[in-house]
Amino acid sequence: FFFQAEDGIRDVAVTGVQTCSSDLRDWSTPVDIGRKAAAASLADIAAMGGEATSLVVGFGAPADLPAAWALQCTAGLREEAALVGATLVGGDVVEAPQVVLSVTALGDLGGRPPVLRSGAQPGDLVAIAGRFGWSGAGLALLRRGFKSPKALVDAHRFPQPPYAAGPAAARSGATSMIDVSDGLVADARHLAQASGVVIDIHTDEWEVPQPLQDAAAAFNVDPREWMLSGGEDHALLATFPAAVALPEGFAII
């Protein structure tokens, strides 16, 4: 949600919840989990064209969770927030049957209106910034007991959203935007439904990164399946008027 402050500066806040299953805690370090939980909300700020300023975290955990685990997870939250110049400013701690992180990210739109999901227009170009399909491939590897290619496994453990691309897209006139958390097709559908348009994705000319090619060859699958359906990379999917010069990092799809 967003609100209009009295001084005219627009602020934005989003909340995300991460439940740490036993698989997640087996595959990832506490620092990784903290980074991933922070990234999910920080990417939402970027997807509205904002720059994150701070995080507030609700932390739930069993009574027997080692204090060192919680401290390392907090370090991960701070580490990811620092990538965008944000800080961890507070929150709450409660007992829970499993580890749960509820992260609220606060951000500044710099006086611009937020870029929503509902602004795409017929004739707009659809473009994406950041990696997509990497986390999905990493998850497939981990589920089969593999730890390589490391780049894909790490992409699932902690994503690398293109945070700066969000404000850049807003300044360039993006009409709608979303971060790819559910998968490219699923999140393109969210934009299409909110905007009342049809989105046509062309895959024929995609350049498939080498790590995805290698993993797909081992599994005998088409790597484009991960690129279309894999989530949690938090790439930024945006629409632009055809006459607009795309900001650096965006590629038309």
Protein backbone atom coordinates (compact mmCIF):
# COMPACT_ATOMS: atom_id res chain seq x y z
CA PHE A 1 0.00 0.00 0.00
CA PHE A 2 1.08 3.59 -0.28
CA PHE A 3 0.04 6.88 1.23
CA GLN A 4 0.38 10.60 0.52
CA ALA A 5 2.30 12.44 3.22
CA GLU A 6 1.47 16.03 4.17
CA ASP A 7 4.68 17.36 2.64
CA GLY A 8 3.80 15.83 -0.71
CA ILE A 9 6.45 13.13 -0.60
CA ARG A 10 5.00 9.76 -1.43
CA ASP A 11 6.03 6.82 0.73
CA VAL A 12 5.40 3.14 0.23
CA ALA A 13 5.37 0.09 2.51
CA VAL A 14 5.01 -3.63 1.79
CA THR A 15 5.00 -6.72 3.98
CA GLY A 16 6.08 -10.28 3.21
CA VAL A 17 6.03 -13.43 5.35
CA GLN A 18 8.62 -16.20 5.12
CA THR A 19 8.00 -19.52 6.89
CA CYS A 20 11.25 -21.44 7.29
CA SER A 21 10.47 -25.08 6.56
CA SER A 22 12.87 -27.84 7.55
CA ASP A 23 14.06 -28.09 3.93
CA LEU A 24 14.85 -24.39 3.81
CA ARG A 25 16.84 -24.57 7.05
CA ASP A 26 18.71 -27.65 5.78
CA TRP A 27 19.60 -26.06 2.46
CA SER A 28 20.34 -22.52 3.60
CA THR A 29 22.39 -20.83 6.29
CA PRO A 30 20.64 -18.45 8.71
CA VAL A 31 22.32 -15.56 6.89
CA ASP A 32 20.91 -16.82 3.56
CA ILE A 33 17.41 -17.04 5.04
CA GLY A 34 17.62 -13.53 6.42
CA ARG A 35 18.80 -12.17 3.08
CA LYS A 36 16.06 -13.99 1.18
CA ALA A 37 13.32 -12.77 3.50
CA ALA A 38 14.53 -9.18 3.19
CA ALA A 39 14.90 -9.40 -0.58
CA ALA A 40 11.27 -10.43 -1.07
CA SER A 41 9.99 -7.19 0.46
CA LEU A 42 12.78 -4.93 -0.81
CA ALA A 43 12.03 -6.10 -4.36
CA ASP A 44 8.38 -5.10 -3.92
CA ILE A 45 9.49 -1.56 -3.09
CA ALA A 46 11.64 -1.49 -6.24
CA ALA A 47 8.73 -2.85 -8.29
CA MET A 48 6.69 0.23 -7.40
CA GLY A 49 9.53 2.52 -8.44
CA GLY A 50 10.64 3.25 -4.89
CA GLU A 51 13.89 3.12 -2.98
CA ALA A 52 13.80 1.17 0.28
CA THR A 53 14.74 3.05 3.43
CA SER A 54 14.16 0.63 6.34
CA LEU A 55 12.91 -2.78 7.46
CA VAL A 56 10.72 -3.78 10.40
CA VAL A 57 10.78 -7.51 11.22
CA GLY A 58 8.46 -9.77 13.16
CA PHE A 59 10.44 -12.87 14.22
CA GLY A 60 8.76 -16.03 15.54
CA ALA A 61 10.71 -19.09 16.65
CA PRO A 62 10.55 -22.17 18.90
CA ALA A 63 11.93 -21.71 22.41
CA ASP A 64 14.80 -24.11 21.69
CA LEU A 65 16.12 -22.23 18.64
CA PRO A 66 19.81 -21.43 19.28
CA ALA A 67 20.37 -17.74 19.86
CA ALA A 68 23.27 -17.87 17.38
CA TRP A 69 20.85 -18.88 14.60
CA ALA A 70 18.64 -15.84 15.27
CA LEU A 71 21.63 -13.50 15.40
CA GLN A 72 23.00 -14.80 12.10
CA CYS A 73 19.57 -14.49 10.47
CA THR A 74 19.40 -10.89 11.68
CA ALA A 75 22.83 -10.30 10.16
CA GLY A 76 21.45 -11.57 6.84
CA LEU A 77 18.52 -9.17 7.04
CA ARG A 78 20.89 -6.28 7.68
CA GLU A 79 23.27 -7.39 4.93
CA GLU A 80 20.55 -7.43 2.27
CA ALA A 81 19.05 -4.14 3.43
CA ALA A 82 22.49 -2.51 3.23
CA LEU A 83 22.64 -3.29 -0.49
CA VAL A 84 20.00 -0.60 -1.06
CA GLY A 85 21.04 1.72 1.75
CA ALA A 86 18.22 0.61 4.07
CA THR A 87 18.48 -0.25 7.76
CA LEU A 88 16.78 -2.64 10.17
CA VAL A 89 14.95 -0.31 12.55
CA GLY A 90 12.86 -2.56 14.79
CA GLY A 91 10.21 -5.24 15.08
CA ASP A 92 8.97 -7.88 17.52
CA VAL A 93 9.93 -11.36 18.72
CA VAL A 94 7.41 -14.06 19.67
CA GLU A 95 7.41 -17.78 20.35
CA ALA A 96 6.14 -19.91 17.45
CA PRO A 97 6.14 -23.63 16.55
CA GLN A 98 8.51 -22.92 13.64
CA VAL A 99 10.67 -20.08 12.45
CA VAL A 100 8.59 -17.34 10.81
CA LEU A 101 9.85 -14.00 9.49
CA SER A 102 7.42 -11.19 8.70
CA VAL A 103 9.32 -8.41 6.95
CA THR A 104 7.86 -4.96 6.30
CA ALA A 105 9.93 -2.76 3.99
CA LEU A 106 9.45 1.00 3.97
CA GLY A 107 10.48 3.11 1.00
CA ASP A 108 10.48 6.51 -0.66
CA LEU A 109 9.07 7.22 -4.12
CA GLY A 110 10.89 10.53 -4.41
CA GLY A 111 7.71 12.45 -5.04
CA ARG A 112 6.71 10.23 -7.99
CA PRO A 113 3.43 8.32 -8.10
CA PRO A 114 3.86 4.57 -7.55
CA VAL A 115 4.13 2.27 -10.55
CA LEU A 116 1.24 -0.17 -10.12
CA ARG A 117 0.24 -3.40 -11.81
CA SER A 118 -2.77 -1.75 -13.39
CA GLY A 119 -1.24 0.76 -15.83
CA ALA A 120 -0.24 -1.34 -18.85
CA GLN A 121 -1.73 -0.13 -22.14
CA PRO A 122 -2.31 -1.87 -25.49
CA GLY A 123 0.82 -1.44 -27.60
CA ASP A 124 3.22 -1.25 -24.65
CA LEU A 125 6.45 -3.20 -24.77
CA VAL A 126 7.02 -5.83 -22.08
CA ALA A 127 10.55 -5.95 -20.67
CA ILE A 128 12.38 -7.66 -17.84
CA ALA A 129 15.44 -6.81 -15.75
CA GLY A 130 17.38 -9.33 -13.70
CA ARG A 131 17.74 -13.09 -13.70
CA PHE A 132 14.73 -15.35 -14.10
CA GLY A 133 14.57 -19.14 -13.97
CA TRP A 134 17.73 -19.39 -11.88
CA SER A 135 16.02 -19.92 -8.52
CA GLY A 136 13.61 -22.47 -10.01
CA ALA A 137 16.53 -24.42 -11.45
CA GLY A 138 18.35 -24.19 -8.12
CA LEU A 139 15.33 -25.58 -6.31
CA ALA A 140 15.16 -28.51 -8.75
CA LEU A 141 18.84 -29.23 -8.09
CA LEU A 142 18.46 -29.10 -4.30
CA ARG A 143 15.42 -31.37 -4.37
CA ARG A 144 17.52 -34.00 -6.16
CA GLY A 145 20.37 -33.66 -3.71
CA PHE A 146 22.74 -31.67 -5.95
CA LYS A 147 24.79 -28.68 -4.81
CA SER A 148 25.94 -27.51 -8.24
CA PRO A 149 25.98 -25.56 -10.48
CA LYS A 150 26.65 -23.38 -7.46
CA ALA A 151 25.36 -20.24 -9.20
CA LEU A 152 21.89 -21.80 -9.50
CA VAL A 153 21.83 -23.23 -5.98
CA ASP A 154 22.90 -19.88 -4.57
CA ALA A 155 20.23 -18.14 -6.65
CA HIS A 156 17.60 -20.16 -4.77
CA ARG A 157 19.22 -19.65 -1.38
CA PHE A 158 19.37 -15.87 -1.75
CA PRO A 159 18.10 -14.02 -4.85
CA GLN A 160 19.77 -11.01 -6.42
CA PRO A 161 16.97 -8.60 -7.39
CA PRO A 162 17.93 -5.70 -9.67
CA TYR A 163 16.89 -3.13 -7.09
CA ALA A 164 18.14 -0.06 -8.97
CA ALA A 165 16.17 -1.04 -12.07
CA GLY A 166 12.85 -0.26 -10.37
CA PRO A 167 13.37 3.48 -9.82
CA ALA A 168 15.07 3.67 -13.23
CA ALA A 169 12.00 2.15 -14.87
CA ALA A 170 9.73 4.60 -13.06
CA ARG A 171 11.82 7.55 -14.21
CA SER A 172 11.73 6.21 -17.78
CA GLY A 173 7.94 6.10 -17.85
CA ALA A 174 7.07 2.49 -17.02
CA THR A 175 3.30 2.05 -17.11
CA SER A 176 3.19 -1.03 -14.87
CA MET A 177 5.65 -3.20 -12.98
CA ILE A 178 5.87 -6.27 -10.75
CA ASP A 179 8.66 -8.39 -9.28
CA VAL A 180 8.78 -11.98 -10.50
CA SER A 181 8.19 -13.94 -7.32
CA ASP A 182 5.62 -16.49 -8.55
CA GLY A 183 7.14 -17.07 -11.99
CA LEU A 184 7.22 -15.06 -15.22
CA VAL A 185 3.96 -16.39 -16.65
CA ALA A 186 2.11 -16.12 -13.33
CA ASP A 187 3.27 -12.57 -12.65
CA ALA A 188 2.69 -11.46 -16.26
CA ARG A 189 -0.85 -12.71 -15.73
CA HIS A 190 -1.15 -10.50 -12.64
CA LEU A 191 -0.18 -7.47 -14.73
CA ALA A 192 -2.52 -8.44 -17.55
CA GLN A 193 -5.49 -8.98 -15.27
CA ALA A 194 -4.93 -5.80 -13.29
CA SER A 195 -4.50 -3.75 -16.47
CA GLY A 196 -7.20 -5.42 -18.56
CA VAL A 197 -4.79 -6.30 -21.38
CA VAL A 198 -3.32 -9.38 -23.04
CA ILE A 199 0.44 -9.96 -22.68
CA ASP A 200 2.24 -11.89 -25.41
CA ILE A 201 5.61 -13.36 -24.40
CA HIS A 202 8.07 -14.37 -27.15
CA THR A 203 10.60 -17.05 -26.15
CA ASP A 204 12.14 -17.92 -29.54
CA GLU A 205 14.97 -15.37 -29.34
CA TRP A 206 15.75 -15.70 -25.62
CA GLU A 207 19.38 -16.11 -24.72
CA VAL A 208 19.53 -18.96 -22.21
CA PRO A 209 22.35 -18.47 -19.65
CA GLN A 210 24.95 -21.24 -19.61
CA PRO A 211 24.22 -22.47 -16.04
CA LEU A 212 20.58 -23.03 -17.02
CA GLN A 213 21.65 -24.86 -20.17
CA ASP A 214 23.95 -27.14 -18.18
CA ALA A 215 21.34 -28.01 -15.55
CA ALA A 216 18.63 -28.54 -18.17
CA ALA A 217 20.87 -30.92 -20.11
CA ALA A 218 21.44 -32.98 -16.95
CA PHE A 219 17.69 -33.17 -16.30
CA ASN A 220 16.75 -33.52 -20.00
CA VAL A 221 14.34 -30.58 -19.82
CA ASP A 222 13.90 -27.32 -21.73
CA PRO A 223 15.52 -24.55 -19.64
CA ARG A 224 12.78 -22.17 -20.81
CA GLU A 225 10.41 -24.08 -18.53
CA TRP A 226 12.31 -22.72 -15.53
CA MET A 227 12.48 -19.26 -17.11
CA LEU A 228 8.71 -19.22 -17.64
CA SER A 229 7.53 -20.81 -14.41
CA GLY A 230 10.35 -20.55 -11.86
CA GLY A 231 9.75 -18.07 -9.06
CA GLU A 232 11.69 -16.25 -6.32
CA ASP A 233 14.31 -14.60 -8.53
CA HIS A 234 12.57 -11.24 -8.00
CA ALA A 235 13.43 -9.98 -11.46
CA LEU A 236 11.45 -6.87 -12.43
CA LEU A 237 8.81 -7.21 -15.15
CA ALA A 238 7.59 -3.90 -16.54
CA THR A 239 5.68 -2.40 -19.44
CA PHE A 240 6.76 0.71 -21.34
CA PRO A 241 5.26 2.83 -24.11
CA ALA A 242 6.80 1.82 -27.45
CA ALA A 243 8.34 5.29 -27.89
CA VAL A 244 10.25 5.16 -24.59
CA ALA A 245 13.95 4.31 -24.44
CA LEU A 246 14.30 1.36 -22.08
CA PRO A 247 16.52 1.94 -19.04
CA GLU A 248 19.75 0.01 -18.77
CA GLY A 249 19.30 -3.61 -17.75
CA PHE A 250 15.86 -4.17 -19.29
CA ALA A 251 15.35 -6.51 -22.23
CA ILE A 252 12.20 -6.76 -24.34
CA ILE A 253 10.37 -10.08 -24.11
